[in-house]
Amino acid sequence: MKTLKRRDLLKILAFVCVFGGIVGQAAYAFIKSFFPRARYEPPQRFKVGPTHQFSDGPNFVAKHRIFVIKEGNKFHALSSICTHLGCNVTFKKLTQAKKVTIHGKEIEEKWEFHCACHGSRFFGDGTPYTGPAPTPLPAYEVSVSADDRQLVVDKNIEVDSSRRLTV
């Protein structure tokens, strides 16, 4: 059996360290590439304006694809993206208010949302009542900014569609 000299052992260790370091750094860089530092999507929490700028009923905020709905001194926000295939829904003010039952509660509807792409229709709270849309329009958390009293919508937090912010 041949014995390994000290010099040969050091050559092997040096080779393993250099080669292992190169392979390790390449593997680290490859894995890190799956987790980018920069996000190229708009922020999901944003200010939409002061409360006095909104009129009663749905107010479409095109930049963020949401409806900010004002009912007296109460506010809530709904997505304007149809849950079927992602088309924009539009709101239609009803000529005459109608009473509808949603989740066992009778409410008075003054408007509804329509999707022109495939015919889905939603009650004023975002609940679908006809068409292929499988789920309600998402409702988002609404708050008031402490520094400048603007409405803040957080699309990261979905809330129950009956939840309202009183200002």
Protein backbone atom coordinates (compact mmCIF):
# COMPACT_ATOMS: atom_id res chain seq x y z
CA MET A 1 0.00 0.00 0.00
CA LYS A 2 1.29 3.38 -1.00
CA THR A 3 1.48 6.11 1.63
CA LEU A 4 0.34 9.62 0.87
CA LYS A 5 2.99 12.28 1.25
CA ARG A 6 2.25 15.48 3.03
CA ARG A 7 2.91 17.55 -0.08
CA ASP A 8 0.44 15.47 -2.16
CA LEU A 9 -2.19 15.74 0.55
CA LEU A 10 -1.86 19.55 0.57
CA LYS A 11 -2.15 19.64 -3.26
CA ILE A 12 -5.37 17.60 -3.10
CA LEU A 13 -6.80 19.77 -0.31
CA ALA A 14 -5.94 22.97 -2.21
CA PHE A 15 -7.60 21.60 -5.38
CA VAL A 16 -10.73 20.57 -3.46
CA CYS A 17 -10.94 23.96 -1.73
CA VAL A 18 -10.52 25.97 -4.95
CA PHE A 19 -12.82 23.76 -7.02
CA GLY A 20 -15.35 23.47 -4.19
CA GLY A 21 -15.35 27.24 -3.71
CA ILE A 22 -16.00 27.88 -7.40
CA VAL A 23 -18.77 25.27 -7.58
CA GLY A 24 -20.25 26.50 -4.28
CA GLN A 25 -20.37 30.12 -5.43
CA ALA A 26 -21.94 29.14 -8.75
CA ALA A 27 -24.57 27.05 -6.96
CA TYR A 28 -25.27 29.91 -4.53
CA ALA A 29 -25.67 32.40 -7.39
CA PHE A 30 -27.95 29.99 -9.28
CA ILE A 31 -30.22 29.40 -6.29
CA LYS A 32 -30.25 33.11 -5.37
CA SER A 33 -31.45 33.98 -8.89
CA PHE A 34 -34.84 32.46 -8.01
CA PHE A 35 -35.33 35.10 -5.30
CA PRO A 36 -34.96 38.52 -6.92
CA ARG A 37 -34.36 41.56 -4.74
CA ALA A 38 -36.39 43.93 -6.90
CA ARG A 39 -40.16 43.67 -7.29
CA TYR A 40 -41.60 44.96 -10.53
CA GLU A 41 -45.22 45.11 -9.45
CA PRO A 42 -47.08 48.10 -8.07
CA PRO A 43 -47.39 48.37 -4.28
CA GLN A 44 -50.43 46.64 -2.84
CA ARG A 45 -50.97 49.26 -0.13
CA PHE A 46 -51.65 52.75 -1.44
CA LYS A 47 -53.41 56.05 -0.82
CA VAL A 48 -56.40 56.81 -3.04
CA GLY A 49 -57.17 60.36 -1.92
CA PRO A 50 -58.90 62.42 0.75
CA THR A 51 -62.36 61.30 1.84
CA HIS A 52 -64.09 64.46 0.62
CA GLN A 53 -63.04 63.82 -3.00
CA PHE A 54 -65.29 60.76 -3.31
CA SER A 55 -68.93 61.05 -4.33
CA ASP A 56 -71.65 58.76 -2.97
CA GLY A 57 -71.67 55.37 -4.66
CA PRO A 58 -68.89 53.54 -6.49
CA ASN A 59 -65.84 55.60 -7.51
CA PHE A 60 -63.59 53.80 -10.01
CA VAL A 61 -59.83 54.16 -9.39
CA ALA A 62 -58.43 53.00 -12.74
CA LYS A 63 -54.77 53.05 -11.72
CA HIS A 64 -55.38 50.38 -9.06
CA ARG A 65 -58.38 48.62 -10.65
CA ILE A 66 -60.65 49.07 -7.65
CA PHE A 67 -63.93 50.70 -6.72
CA VAL A 68 -63.94 52.89 -3.61
CA ILE A 69 -67.55 52.95 -2.50
CA LYS A 70 -68.87 55.76 -0.34
CA GLU A 71 -72.19 55.36 1.46
CA GLY A 72 -72.75 58.46 3.57
CA ASN A 73 -69.75 58.54 5.92
CA LYS A 74 -68.84 54.86 5.34
CA PHE A 75 -66.28 53.53 2.89
CA HIS A 76 -65.28 50.17 1.48
CA ALA A 77 -63.24 48.98 -1.50
CA LEU A 78 -63.97 46.26 -4.06
CA SER A 79 -61.83 44.89 -6.84
CA SER A 80 -62.91 45.82 -10.35
CA ILE A 81 -61.46 42.59 -11.75
CA CYS A 82 -64.01 39.92 -12.65
CA THR A 83 -63.29 36.64 -10.86
CA HIS A 84 -64.05 34.67 -14.02
CA LEU A 85 -61.25 35.66 -16.41
CA GLY A 86 -59.97 39.00 -15.16
CA CYS A 87 -61.89 41.51 -17.27
CA ASN A 88 -62.79 44.90 -15.76
CA VAL A 89 -66.30 45.16 -14.39
CA THR A 90 -68.28 48.36 -14.63
CA PHE A 91 -70.96 49.60 -12.26
CA LYS A 92 -74.49 50.31 -13.29
CA LYS A 93 -76.67 52.59 -11.20
CA LEU A 94 -80.15 51.13 -10.95
CA THR A 95 -83.02 53.41 -11.98
CA GLN A 96 -85.04 52.08 -9.06
CA ALA A 97 -83.60 50.53 -5.90
CA LYS A 98 -84.45 46.86 -5.39
CA LYS A 99 -84.42 44.61 -2.35
CA VAL A 100 -82.26 41.47 -2.61
CA THR A 101 -81.35 38.74 -0.13
CA ILE A 102 -77.62 38.04 0.16
CA HIS A 103 -76.36 35.45 2.66
CA GLY A 104 -79.69 35.56 4.51
CA LYS A 105 -79.70 39.36 4.86
CA GLU A 106 -82.10 41.56 2.94
CA ILE A 107 -80.42 44.69 1.60
CA GLU A 108 -81.46 47.49 -0.71
CA GLU A 109 -79.44 47.60 -3.93
CA LYS A 110 -78.78 50.93 -5.63
CA TRP A 111 -76.19 49.67 -8.14
CA GLU A 112 -74.66 46.48 -9.48
CA PHE A 113 -71.51 45.49 -11.30
CA HIS A 114 -71.47 44.03 -14.82
CA CYS A 115 -68.70 42.24 -16.71
CA ALA A 116 -68.99 42.90 -20.42
CA CYS A 117 -66.69 40.02 -21.43
CA HIS A 118 -68.78 37.01 -20.42
CA GLY A 119 -71.92 38.42 -18.81
CA SER A 120 -71.23 37.99 -15.11
CA ARG A 121 -73.28 40.26 -12.87
CA PHE A 122 -72.60 41.11 -9.26
CA PHE A 123 -74.71 42.66 -6.53
CA GLY A 124 -73.47 45.91 -5.00
CA ASP A 125 -71.46 44.00 -2.36
CA GLY A 126 -69.62 42.01 -5.07
CA THR A 127 -71.59 38.74 -4.79
CA PRO A 128 -72.18 37.15 -8.22
CA TYR A 129 -75.77 36.37 -9.11
CA THR A 130 -75.53 35.42 -12.77
CA GLY A 131 -72.89 34.43 -15.29
CA PRO A 132 -69.75 32.32 -15.07
CA ALA A 133 -67.96 34.22 -12.25
CA PRO A 134 -67.27 31.60 -9.56
CA THR A 135 -66.56 33.84 -6.56
CA PRO A 136 -67.41 37.34 -5.30
CA LEU A 137 -65.34 40.40 -6.11
CA PRO A 138 -62.66 40.69 -3.40
CA ALA A 139 -63.17 43.40 -0.78
CA TYR A 140 -60.06 45.07 0.61
CA GLU A 141 -59.03 46.66 3.91
CA VAL A 142 -59.64 50.43 4.00
CA SER A 143 -58.14 52.78 6.58
CA VAL A 144 -57.35 56.45 6.99
CA SER A 145 -53.75 57.68 6.96
CA ALA A 146 -52.83 59.40 10.22
CA ASP A 147 -50.52 61.97 8.63
CA ASP A 148 -52.70 63.46 5.86
CA ARG A 149 -56.17 61.87 6.42
CA GLN A 150 -56.27 60.15 3.01
CA LEU A 151 -58.00 56.82 2.42
CA VAL A 152 -55.56 53.91 2.27
CA VAL A 153 -56.47 50.65 0.53
CA ASP A 154 -54.48 47.49 1.27
CA LYS A 155 -54.98 44.84 -1.42
CA ASN A 156 -52.89 42.39 0.65
CA ILE A 157 -55.73 42.14 3.17
CA GLU A 158 -59.07 40.80 1.93
CA VAL A 159 -62.00 41.46 4.25
CA ASP A 160 -65.66 40.52 4.40
CA SER A 161 -67.66 42.52 1.87
CA SER A 162 -70.00 43.80 4.61
CA ARG A 163 -67.13 45.53 6.46
CA ARG A 164 -67.22 49.34 6.30
CA LEU A 165 -64.88 52.08 7.52
CA THR A 166 -66.72 54.91 9.24
CA VAL A 167 -65.03 58.30 8.84
